[in-house]
Amino acid sequence: MSEIAALLGSAVAALTAVPRSGDAYRGLDDAALLALTRVAADEVRLAQLHVSLLAGEIARRSAPELGSDGLAQREGHRTPEEMVRVTTGTRVADARAAVRVGVAAGAPSPTPLTSAVIDGRVSVAVADAVVGALGRPAAGVTQPQLDEAAAAMVERVAGLDPERAAREARAARDELDLAGIATREQAARERRGFRLGRRAAGGGYAHWELDPETFAVVSEIYDRVTSPRRNLPSFDDGTAAGPSALRATSDSAASGGAEADPDADERTLEQYTSDVFAELLRQGVSADTEHLLGDSPVGVRVVVAAATLAEGRGGGYLEGQPDPVSLATVERLGCATGTVAITVDHDGQPLNLGREQRLYSRSQRIALAARDGGCRWPGCERPPSWCEAHHINHWLRDGGRTDVADGILLCRHHHRLAHNNGWEITRAGPTYLLHPPERGPGGASGGDPESASSPPRTAPPREMPSRSRALRDALKPPA
């Protein structure tokens, strides 16, 4: 006890000595700033690990069979999670995650995932997200299979945030349990519901739990309303087209930051979105959606690998959504709206136009959306409807071709970075690599003036993975 207390006390004392004034960090160059941020993240992971190990022991000493003699109840708490929450001053969700991971880490035979947590390679939050998304054993899926899937994901999720790690884990569960896709889709559908609540002064709020198919439709509308790429709509009553905050996002860079129009709409993006949805409800099926949502009808594409349809096992994906829907849903939507076949070669590349046409066609944009799943810039989550097609070999500078293989979906922000800030994208088969621009010795800003004569640094390229799980299905070798 005294040794652990001394070590933890020394760690707290060392962290207390670290400067806590912003002035101490303003003189850092970019590379040092990012390096210290990573070190600080390591601090957080280790601190969360220590709390989890202690929380696991609290849970062991508060086992239900101990009743009122358990530690938590002796101290006046109903559960070990509550005791951890009160003792650490954290959220309920964080306390529950600490107990879950701590109990697993304290098991007689730790799994590779819990070992990675103990080693500090994976954070407590990421480990908990992976275990939660993999789910529990079911028909055809055993606990050893789930443990094996978690072990195989350790290196892949080590650098991810909990949300992305959970998506990877859900994809792994789907691979293990193809037959359960329809069951999980139905469970999500059963959770659907809508309720209104009142607030003081006459206002109110809505809580809407959406099934996957409805969510895809609603999110398509939401993406159109909020996308910087859209033609800003106007209502019949003459109200302004859209929030000035959104126009500033999409237009200020092009205008050089010119002063805003004093007559511009001052609604926030959230207020504007609320007004559009309210107007859609008012107008109902007779609404002229061209004024509100652009020049094409609202609809959602479903993407599925041809091999999946031929084999009759697996699932498809509603465009922009990471989780699969059943083949029954794919076939129903195909029956209602028709299908478009997108031929994919061995490199995962469809539809080419060469240099006969500069802009990507509608068919090519559909193919890009199916292949990329949204903006492919590492870490970006923008959906296909927010994206623009970028020639990785620039049309004018490089004589680039309007081929899907040489195009990639980027949101407007990252499209500007690619053109204006020196970022380059290269392709090797189905793989796309993002090459950062050369930086001076001190990075883009800051640094030691005496080292200005040093050669520029070039960071290693970053992989730009597709977010389309249907593409992964299409490129999988035959079973």
Protein backbone atom coordinates (compact mmCIF):
# COMPACT_ATOMS: atom_id res chain seq x y z
CA MET A 1 0.00 0.00 0.00
CA SER A 2 2.67 2.50 1.01
CA GLU A 3 4.72 1.81 -2.13
CA ILE A 4 1.72 2.28 -4.46
CA ALA A 5 0.67 5.42 -2.57
CA ALA A 6 4.20 6.80 -2.82
CA LEU A 7 4.36 6.12 -6.57
CA LEU A 8 0.95 7.66 -7.26
CA GLY A 9 1.83 10.60 -5.01
CA SER A 10 5.07 11.11 -6.93
CA ALA A 11 3.15 11.03 -10.22
CA VAL A 12 0.70 13.66 -8.96
CA ALA A 13 3.58 15.79 -7.69
CA ALA A 14 5.37 15.52 -11.04
CA LEU A 15 2.23 16.52 -12.93
CA THR A 16 1.63 19.37 -10.51
CA ALA A 17 5.07 20.72 -11.42
CA VAL A 18 4.21 20.84 -15.14
CA PRO A 19 3.48 24.46 -16.19
CA ARG A 20 -0.22 25.29 -16.26
CA SER A 21 -0.01 28.69 -17.88
CA GLY A 22 -0.79 29.03 -21.56
CA ASP A 23 2.21 31.31 -21.94
CA ALA A 24 4.53 28.35 -21.33
CA TYR A 25 3.32 26.66 -24.52
CA ARG A 26 3.13 29.60 -26.90
CA GLY A 27 6.85 29.47 -27.69
CA LEU A 28 6.74 25.82 -28.82
CA ASP A 29 7.13 24.99 -32.47
CA ASP A 30 4.39 22.93 -34.12
CA ALA A 31 6.24 19.61 -33.85
CA ALA A 32 6.94 20.08 -30.14
CA LEU A 33 3.34 21.12 -29.48
CA LEU A 34 1.97 17.96 -31.11
CA ALA A 35 4.57 15.76 -29.40
CA LEU A 36 3.63 17.15 -25.99
CA THR A 37 -0.06 16.66 -26.77
CA ARG A 38 0.64 12.97 -27.40
CA VAL A 39 2.57 12.72 -24.13
CA ALA A 40 -0.37 14.34 -22.32
CA ALA A 41 -2.67 11.75 -23.92
CA ASP A 42 -0.40 9.03 -22.51
CA GLU A 43 -0.83 10.64 -19.08
CA VAL A 44 -4.61 10.46 -19.44
CA ARG A 45 -4.51 6.80 -20.52
CA LEU A 46 -2.33 5.83 -17.55
CA ALA A 47 -4.50 7.78 -15.11
CA GLN A 48 -7.64 6.09 -16.48
CA LEU A 49 -5.89 2.72 -16.18
CA HIS A 50 -5.05 3.30 -12.51
CA VAL A 51 -8.63 4.33 -11.76
CA SER A 52 -9.92 1.23 -13.59
CA LEU A 53 -7.64 -1.14 -11.68
CA LEU A 54 -8.79 0.38 -8.41
CA ALA A 55 -12.42 0.34 -9.58
CA GLY A 56 -12.13 -3.35 -10.44
CA GLU A 57 -10.93 -4.11 -6.93
CA ILE A 58 -13.75 -2.01 -5.46
CA ALA A 59 -16.20 -4.08 -7.52
CA ARG A 60 -14.60 -7.33 -6.33
CA ARG A 61 -14.98 -6.23 -2.71
CA SER A 62 -18.57 -5.15 -3.40
CA ALA A 63 -19.78 -8.37 -5.04
CA PRO A 64 -23.57 -8.86 -4.79
CA GLU A 65 -23.19 -12.01 -2.71
CA LEU A 66 -21.53 -9.93 0.03
CA GLY A 67 -24.71 -7.89 0.49
CA SER A 68 -24.40 -5.13 3.08
CA ASP A 69 -20.95 -6.38 4.02
CA GLY A 70 -19.63 -5.35 0.62
CA LEU A 71 -17.35 -2.31 0.42
CA ALA A 72 -19.71 -0.08 -1.54
CA GLN A 73 -22.71 -0.66 0.74
CA ARG A 74 -20.59 -0.31 3.89
CA GLU A 75 -19.60 3.14 2.63
CA GLY A 76 -23.23 4.07 1.91
CA HIS A 77 -23.31 3.45 -1.85
CA ARG A 78 -25.77 1.24 -3.67
CA THR A 79 -23.31 -0.08 -6.26
CA PRO A 80 -19.55 -0.09 -6.87
CA GLU A 81 -20.15 2.08 -9.95
CA GLU A 82 -21.80 4.71 -7.76
CA MET A 83 -18.91 4.56 -5.30
CA VAL A 84 -16.38 5.05 -8.11
CA ARG A 85 -18.39 7.93 -9.56
CA VAL A 86 -18.63 9.74 -6.22
CA THR A 87 -15.02 9.06 -5.26
CA THR A 88 -13.54 10.18 -8.60
CA GLY A 89 -16.07 12.90 -9.44
CA THR A 90 -16.64 11.48 -12.92
CA ARG A 91 -19.72 10.80 -15.02
CA VAL A 92 -21.84 7.69 -14.53
CA ALA A 93 -20.76 6.33 -17.94
CA ASP A 94 -17.07 6.81 -17.11
CA ALA A 95 -17.46 5.08 -13.73
CA ARG A 96 -19.26 2.12 -15.33
CA ALA A 97 -16.54 1.80 -17.97
CA ALA A 98 -13.83 1.93 -15.29
CA VAL A 99 -15.51 -0.88 -13.35
CA ARG A 100 -16.08 -3.05 -16.44
CA VAL A 101 -12.51 -2.72 -17.69
CA GLY A 102 -11.08 -2.99 -14.18
CA VAL A 103 -12.94 -6.24 -13.53
CA ALA A 104 -11.72 -7.67 -16.86
CA ALA A 105 -8.14 -6.54 -16.19
CA GLY A 106 -8.22 -8.21 -12.78
CA ALA A 107 -9.42 -11.55 -14.15
CA PRO A 108 -7.12 -14.55 -13.63
CA SER A 109 -6.44 -14.75 -17.39
CA PRO A 110 -6.46 -11.28 -18.99
CA THR A 111 -7.42 -11.14 -22.67
CA PRO A 112 -5.12 -9.52 -25.27
CA LEU A 113 -7.37 -6.45 -25.16
CA THR A 114 -7.13 -6.02 -21.39
CA SER A 115 -3.39 -6.70 -21.61
CA ALA A 116 -3.16 -3.84 -24.14
CA VAL A 117 -4.97 -1.61 -21.64
CA ILE A 118 -2.57 -2.60 -18.87
CA ASP A 119 0.38 -1.94 -21.20
CA GLY A 120 -0.99 1.51 -21.96
CA ARG A 121 -1.42 0.86 -25.69
CA VAL A 122 -5.24 1.09 -25.60
CA SER A 123 -7.23 3.49 -23.45
CA VAL A 124 -9.92 2.37 -21.02
CA ALA A 125 -12.58 4.18 -23.05
CA VAL A 126 -11.54 2.50 -26.31
CA ALA A 127 -11.40 -0.96 -24.73
CA ASP A 128 -14.86 -0.50 -23.24
CA ALA A 129 -16.21 0.72 -26.59
CA VAL A 130 -14.80 -2.35 -28.38
CA VAL A 131 -16.24 -4.83 -25.87
CA GLY A 132 -19.63 -3.09 -25.88
CA ALA A 133 -19.84 -2.96 -29.68
CA LEU A 134 -18.79 -6.59 -30.10
CA GLY A 135 -21.73 -7.48 -27.88
CA ARG A 136 -22.57 -10.71 -26.14
CA PRO A 137 -22.55 -14.31 -27.32
CA ALA A 138 -25.55 -15.41 -29.35
CA ALA A 139 -26.60 -18.24 -31.61
CA GLY A 140 -23.56 -19.06 -33.73
CA VAL A 141 -21.25 -16.60 -31.90
CA THR A 142 -19.32 -17.80 -28.87
CA GLN A 143 -17.43 -15.82 -26.25
CA PRO A 144 -14.06 -17.23 -27.44
CA GLN A 145 -14.88 -15.93 -30.94
CA LEU A 146 -15.63 -12.49 -29.53
CA ASP A 147 -12.38 -12.56 -27.53
CA GLU A 148 -10.49 -13.55 -30.67
CA ALA A 149 -12.09 -10.71 -32.63
CA ALA A 150 -11.14 -8.23 -29.89
CA ALA A 151 -7.57 -9.54 -29.87
CA ALA A 152 -7.32 -9.11 -33.65
CA MET A 153 -8.45 -5.47 -33.33
CA VAL A 154 -5.92 -4.34 -30.71
CA GLU A 155 -3.40 -2.75 -33.07
CA ARG A 156 -6.11 -1.29 -35.30
CA VAL A 157 -7.97 0.52 -32.52
CA ALA A 158 -4.91 1.65 -30.53
CA GLY A 159 -4.86 5.04 -32.27
CA LEU A 160 -8.62 5.55 -32.56
CA ASP A 161 -11.15 7.43 -30.45
CA PRO A 162 -13.94 5.39 -28.78
CA GLU A 163 -16.55 6.19 -31.45
CA ARG A 164 -14.40 4.97 -34.35
CA ALA A 165 -13.23 1.97 -32.34
CA ALA A 166 -16.87 1.04 -31.71
CA ARG A 167 -17.61 1.20 -35.45
CA GLU A 168 -14.70 -1.12 -36.17
CA ALA A 169 -15.96 -3.51 -33.49
CA ARG A 170 -19.51 -3.48 -34.87
CA ALA A 171 -18.09 -4.32 -38.30
CA ALA A 172 -16.16 -7.23 -36.74
CA ARG A 173 -19.34 -8.46 -35.07
CA ASP A 174 -21.16 -8.33 -38.39
CA GLU A 175 -18.41 -10.43 -39.98
CA LEU A 176 -18.83 -13.02 -37.24
CA ASP A 177 -22.60 -12.96 -37.26
CA LEU A 178 -23.87 -12.38 -40.80
CA ALA A 179 -27.06 -14.23 -39.96
CA GLY A 180 -27.74 -11.81 -37.10
CA ILE A 181 -27.80 -8.65 -39.26
CA ALA A 182 -31.56 -8.95 -39.83
CA THR A 183 -32.13 -9.55 -36.12
CA ARG A 184 -30.13 -6.46 -35.12
CA GLU A 185 -31.87 -4.37 -37.76
CA GLN A 186 -35.25 -5.49 -36.44
CA ALA A 187 -34.20 -4.72 -32.86
CA ALA A 188 -33.24 -1.19 -33.95
CA ARG A 189 -36.59 -0.86 -35.72
CA GLU A 190 -38.45 -1.96 -32.59
CA ARG A 191 -36.77 0.86 -30.63
CA ARG A 192 -38.23 3.54 -32.89
CA GLY A 193 -40.47 6.12 -31.27
CA PHE A 194 -41.36 9.81 -31.13
CA ARG A 195 -42.46 11.93 -28.21
CA LEU A 196 -42.91 15.61 -27.46
CA GLY A 197 -42.21 17.37 -24.19
CA ARG A 198 -43.23 20.82 -22.97
CA ARG A 199 -40.98 23.50 -21.58
CA ALA A 200 -41.74 26.65 -19.65
CA ALA A 201 -42.93 29.72 -21.57
CA GLY A 202 -44.70 27.63 -24.20
CA GLY A 203 -41.70 25.96 -25.83
CA GLY A 204 -41.02 22.29 -26.13
CA TYR A 205 -38.67 19.58 -27.35
CA ALA A 206 -38.86 16.39 -29.37
CA HIS A 207 -37.16 13.07 -28.80
CA TRP A 208 -37.11 10.89 -31.90
CA GLU A 209 -35.60 7.40 -31.85
CA LEU A 210 -35.10 6.40 -35.49
CA ASP A 211 -34.77 2.98 -37.08
CA PRO A 212 -31.84 2.66 -39.55
CA GLU A 213 -33.89 3.23 -42.70
CA THR A 214 -35.73 6.27 -41.35
CA PHE A 215 -32.49 7.66 -39.95
CA ALA A 216 -30.88 7.37 -43.38
CA VAL A 217 -33.73 9.40 -44.94
CA VAL A 218 -33.76 12.05 -42.18
CA SER A 219 -29.96 12.36 -42.14
CA GLU A 220 -29.97 12.79 -45.93
CA ILE A 221 -32.32 15.77 -45.47
CA TYR A 222 -30.24 17.08 -42.57
CA ASP A 223 -27.02 16.79 -44.58
CA ARG A 224 -28.58 18.73 -47.46
CA VAL A 225 -29.81 21.45 -45.12
CA THR A 226 -26.47 21.86 -43.36
CA SER A 227 -24.08 21.15 -46.24
CA PRO A 228 -21.92 24.09 -47.37
CA ARG A 229 -22.26 22.72 -50.92
CA ARG A 230 -25.98 23.30 -51.25
CA ASN A 231 -27.74 26.14 -53.03
CA LEU A 232 -29.03 28.21 -50.15
CA PRO A 233 -32.84 28.02 -50.20
CA SER A 234 -35.42 30.68 -49.59
CA PHE A 235 -38.94 30.29 -48.26
CA ASP A 236 -42.05 31.58 -49.98
CA ASP A 237 -42.59 34.12 -47.20
CA GLY A 238 -39.37 35.90 -48.21
CA THR A 239 -37.27 34.99 -45.21
CA ALA A 240 -33.53 34.92 -45.75
CA ALA A 241 -31.81 31.99 -47.38
CA GLY A 242 -29.69 30.66 -44.58
CA PRO A 243 -27.66 31.43 -41.47
CA SER A 244 -24.81 33.85 -41.81
CA ALA A 245 -22.64 31.51 -39.75
CA LEU A 246 -23.00 28.86 -42.44
CA ARG A 247 -22.29 31.29 -45.24
CA ALA A 248 -19.16 32.38 -43.41
CA THR A 249 -18.04 28.76 -43.29
CA SER A 250 -18.46 28.21 -47.01
CA ASP A 251 -17.66 31.60 -48.48
CA SER A 252 -15.36 33.63 -46.23
CA ALA A 253 -12.19 31.94 -47.45
CA ALA A 254 -13.04 32.74 -51.05
CA SER A 255 -13.86 36.35 -50.27
CA GLY A 256 -10.74 36.90 -48.18
CA GLY A 257 -12.78 37.35 -45.00
CA ALA A 258 -14.80 40.31 -46.25
CA GLU A 259 -17.12 42.00 -43.78
CA ALA A 260 -20.46 40.24 -43.40
CA ASP A 261 -23.59 41.63 -45.00
CA PRO A 262 -25.41 43.66 -42.31
CA ASP A 263 -28.73 42.37 -43.69
CA ALA A 264 -27.64 38.74 -43.54
CA ASP A 265 -29.72 36.17 -41.70
CA GLU A 266 -28.40 35.96 -38.14
CA ARG A 267 -29.89 32.57 -37.32
CA THR A 268 -27.48 29.94 -36.07
CA LEU A 269 -27.12 26.75 -38.08
CA GLU A 270 -29.19 24.90 -35.47
CA GLN A 271 -31.97 27.51 -35.59
CA TYR A 272 -31.97 27.48 -39.37
CA THR A 273 -32.16 23.67 -39.48
CA SER A 274 -35.07 23.73 -37.04
CA ASP A 275 -36.90 26.22 -39.28
CA VAL A 276 -36.35 24.10 -42.40
CA PHE A 277 -37.68 20.93 -40.76
CA ALA A 278 -40.67 22.84 -39.38
CA GLU A 279 -41.36 24.25 -42.85
CA LEU A 280 -41.15 20.78 -44.38
CA LEU A 281 -43.74 19.54 -41.90
CA ARG A 282 -46.01 22.50 -42.61
CA GLN A 283 -45.91 22.02 -46.35
CA GLY A 284 -46.09 18.24 -46.12
CA VAL A 285 -46.26 16.22 -49.29
CA SER A 286 -47.08 19.30 -51.39
CA ALA A 287 -43.80 21.05 -50.46
CA ASP A 288 -41.67 22.30 -53.31
CA THR A 289 -38.55 20.60 -52.02
CA GLU A 290 -36.42 22.11 -54.78
CA HIS A 291 -36.52 25.43 -52.89
CA LEU A 292 -35.71 23.80 -49.57
CA LEU A 293 -33.36 20.94 -50.34
CA GLY A 294 -31.82 21.37 -53.77
CA ASP A 295 -32.68 20.17 -57.23
CA SER A 296 -33.14 16.43 -56.69
CA PRO A 297 -35.74 14.42 -54.78
CA VAL A 298 -34.97 13.14 -51.33
CA GLY A 299 -33.86 9.54 -51.39
CA VAL A 300 -31.28 7.23 -49.94
CA ARG A 301 -29.07 4.88 -51.92
CA VAL A 302 -28.33 1.40 -50.65
CA VAL A 303 -24.94 -0.05 -51.58
CA VAL A 304 -24.26 -3.78 -51.63
CA ALA A 305 -21.56 -5.98 -53.10
CA ALA A 306 -22.75 -8.11 -56.02
CA ALA A 307 -21.16 -11.19 -54.44
CA THR A 308 -23.20 -10.62 -51.29
CA LEU A 309 -26.42 -10.66 -53.32
CA ALA A 310 -25.32 -13.70 -55.29
CA GLU A 311 -24.43 -15.67 -52.15
CA GLY A 312 -27.56 -14.53 -50.31
CA ARG A 313 -25.69 -13.89 -47.06
CA GLY A 314 -24.49 -10.70 -45.46
CA GLY A 315 -25.96 -7.22 -45.74
CA GLY A 316 -25.99 -3.92 -47.58
CA TYR A 317 -25.37 -0.38 -46.44
CA LEU A 318 -27.52 2.73 -46.60
CA GLU A 319 -25.28 5.41 -48.07
CA GLY A 320 -23.46 7.33 -45.37
CA GLN A 321 -24.34 4.83 -42.61
CA PRO A 322 -21.71 2.44 -41.18
CA ASP A 323 -24.00 -0.35 -39.98
CA PRO A 324 -25.54 -2.91 -42.34
CA VAL A 325 -29.15 -3.62 -43.16
CA SER A 326 -30.46 -7.03 -44.09
CA LEU A 327 -30.60 -8.37 -47.64
CA ALA A 328 -34.39 -8.39 -47.29
CA THR A 329 -34.26 -4.60 -46.84
CA VAL A 330 -31.84 -4.28 -49.77
CA GLU A 331 -34.17 -6.26 -52.02
CA ARG A 332 -37.25 -4.33 -50.88
CA LEU A 333 -35.59 -0.97 -51.58
CA GLY A 334 -34.33 -2.27 -54.92
CA CYS A 335 -37.86 -3.37 -55.82
CA ALA A 336 -39.27 0.04 -54.89
CA THR A 337 -36.62 2.28 -56.49
CA GLY A 338 -34.73 0.13 -58.98
CA THR A 339 -31.03 -0.68 -59.02
CA VAL A 340 -27.91 0.66 -60.71
CA ALA A 341 -25.01 -1.73 -61.21
CA ILE A 342 -21.56 -0.24 -60.55
CA THR A 343 -18.86 -2.43 -62.03
CA VAL A 344 -15.75 -2.57 -59.86
CA ASP A 345 -12.39 -3.85 -61.16
CA HIS A 346 -9.81 -5.75 -59.11
CA ASP A 347 -8.49 -2.45 -57.71
CA GLY A 348 -11.95 -1.37 -56.61
CA GLN A 349 -12.26 1.31 -59.29
CA PRO A 350 -15.44 1.96 -61.34
CA LEU A 351 -16.51 4.25 -64.22
CA ASN A 352 -14.04 6.45 -66.16
CA LEU A 353 -14.45 9.52 -68.38
CA GLY A 354 -10.81 10.36 -69.21
CA ARG A 355 -10.18 13.97 -70.29
CA GLU A 356 -13.32 14.30 -72.37
CA GLN A 357 -15.13 15.93 -69.43
CA ARG A 358 -13.67 17.95 -66.57
CA LEU A 359 -16.45 17.65 -63.98
CA TYR A 360 -17.39 14.29 -62.57
CA SER A 361 -20.75 13.07 -63.81
CA ARG A 362 -23.70 12.19 -61.60
CA SER A 363 -23.05 8.48 -62.23
CA GLN A 364 -19.42 8.91 -61.25
CA ARG A 365 -20.37 10.77 -58.06
CA ILE A 366 -22.68 7.85 -57.18
CA ALA A 367 -19.75 5.50 -57.78
CA LEU A 368 -17.40 7.66 -55.68
CA ALA A 369 -19.93 7.75 -52.85
CA ALA A 370 -20.26 3.96 -53.00
CA ARG A 371 -16.47 3.52 -53.03
CA ASP A 372 -15.39 6.18 -50.51
CA GLY A 373 -18.36 6.39 -48.13
CA GLY A 374 -17.72 10.10 -47.51
CA CYS A 375 -14.69 12.38 -47.15
CA ARG A 376 -11.57 10.20 -47.15
CA TRP A 377 -9.34 12.69 -45.35
CA PRO A 378 -8.07 10.84 -42.25
CA GLY A 379 -10.34 11.51 -39.30
CA CYS A 380 -13.05 13.36 -41.25
CA GLU A 381 -16.64 12.19 -40.82
CA ARG A 382 -18.39 14.27 -43.52
CA PRO A 383 -20.98 12.26 -45.51
CA PRO A 384 -20.98 11.96 -49.31
CA SER A 385 -23.55 14.75 -49.68
CA TRP A 386 -21.05 17.21 -48.14
CA CYS A 387 -18.25 16.19 -50.47
CA GLU A 388 -16.75 17.32 -53.77
CA ALA A 389 -14.89 15.14 -56.27
CA HIS A 390 -11.17 16.00 -56.28
CA HIS A 391 -8.77 15.10 -59.11
CA ILE A 392 -5.72 13.67 -57.33
CA ASN A 393 -3.82 14.56 -60.51
CA HIS A 394 -4.99 18.16 -60.91
CA TRP A 395 -6.93 18.83 -64.10
CA LEU A 396 -4.89 21.84 -65.21
CA ARG A 397 -1.55 21.40 -63.41
CA ASP A 398 -1.08 17.69 -64.10
CA GLY A 399 -3.35 17.03 -67.07
CA GLY A 400 -5.45 14.82 -64.81
CA ARG A 401 -8.23 12.58 -66.08
CA THR A 402 -11.84 12.51 -64.91
CA ASP A 403 -11.60 8.86 -63.93
CA VAL A 404 -12.99 7.49 -60.69
CA ALA A 405 -9.60 5.92 -59.99
CA ASP A 406 -8.04 9.39 -60.07
CA GLY A 407 -10.86 11.02 -58.12
CA ILE A 408 -11.55 11.03 -54.42
CA LEU A 409 -14.31 12.49 -52.26
CA LEU A 410 -13.23 15.40 -50.04
CA CYS A 411 -15.40 17.76 -48.06
CA ARG A 412 -15.06 21.41 -49.03
CA HIS A 413 -12.66 22.22 -46.19
CA HIS A 414 -10.26 19.42 -47.07
CA HIS A 415 -10.67 20.04 -50.81
CA ARG A 416 -9.37 23.57 -50.20
CA LEU A 417 -6.49 22.22 -48.14
CA ALA A 418 -5.53 19.88 -50.98
CA HIS A 419 -5.47 22.73 -53.51
CA ASN A 420 -4.25 25.67 -51.45
CA ASN A 421 -1.96 24.28 -48.75
CA GLY A 422 0.32 21.94 -50.63
CA TRP A 423 -1.20 18.58 -49.66
CA GLU A 424 -0.85 15.87 -52.32
CA ILE A 425 -2.69 12.58 -52.82
CA THR A 426 -1.25 9.55 -54.60
CA ARG A 427 -2.74 6.18 -55.48
CA ALA A 428 -1.35 2.66 -55.50
CA GLY A 429 -4.10 0.29 -56.65
CA PRO A 430 -7.05 0.71 -54.27
CA THR A 431 -4.91 2.54 -51.68
CA TYR A 432 -4.76 6.34 -51.46
CA LEU A 433 -2.00 8.14 -49.54
CA LEU A 434 -2.09 11.69 -48.22
CA HIS A 435 1.25 13.50 -48.36
CA PRO A 436 1.62 16.52 -46.03
CA PRO A 437 3.35 19.62 -47.42
CA GLU A 438 6.99 20.21 -46.57
CA ARG A 439 7.44 22.18 -43.40
CA GLY A 440 10.28 24.34 -42.19
CA PRO A 441 12.33 23.16 -39.23
CA GLY A 442 9.92 24.78 -36.81
CA GLY A 443 6.75 23.75 -38.60
CA ALA A 444 4.25 26.23 -40.01
CA SER A 445 4.76 28.65 -37.16
CA GLY A 446 6.97 29.18 -34.14
CA GLY A 447 10.28 27.42 -33.70
CA ASP A 448 13.86 28.43 -33.15
CA PRO A 449 14.96 31.19 -35.57
CA GLU A 450 18.54 29.87 -35.43
CA SER A 451 17.46 26.63 -37.10
CA ALA A 452 15.77 28.36 -40.04
CA SER A 453 18.60 27.29 -42.36
CA SER A 454 18.00 23.59 -41.67
CA PRO A 455 16.46 21.52 -44.48
CA PRO A 456 12.65 21.29 -44.47
CA ARG A 457 11.01 18.27 -42.86
CA THR A 458 8.64 16.03 -44.77
CA ALA A 459 6.19 14.03 -42.68
CA PRO A 460 5.40 10.46 -43.74
CA PRO A 461 2.26 9.95 -45.83
CA ARG A 462 -1.00 8.93 -44.17
CA GLU A 463 -3.33 6.27 -45.51
CA MET A 464 -6.78 7.46 -46.57
CA PRO A 465 -9.04 4.48 -45.85
CA SER A 466 -12.44 4.14 -47.45
CA ARG A 467 -15.40 4.42 -45.10
CA SER A 468 -17.49 2.19 -47.39
CA ARG A 469 -18.02 -1.23 -45.89
CA ALA A 470 -19.73 -2.33 -49.11
CA LEU A 471 -16.43 -1.80 -50.92
CA ARG A 472 -14.68 -4.00 -48.38
CA ASP A 473 -17.30 -6.69 -49.06
CA ALA A 474 -16.79 -6.37 -52.82
CA LEU A 475 -13.01 -6.77 -52.54
CA LYS A 476 -13.05 -9.72 -50.14
CA PRO A 477 -11.69 -12.93 -51.67
CA PRO A 478 -14.35 -15.56 -52.38
CA ALA A 479 -15.21 -17.71 -49.36
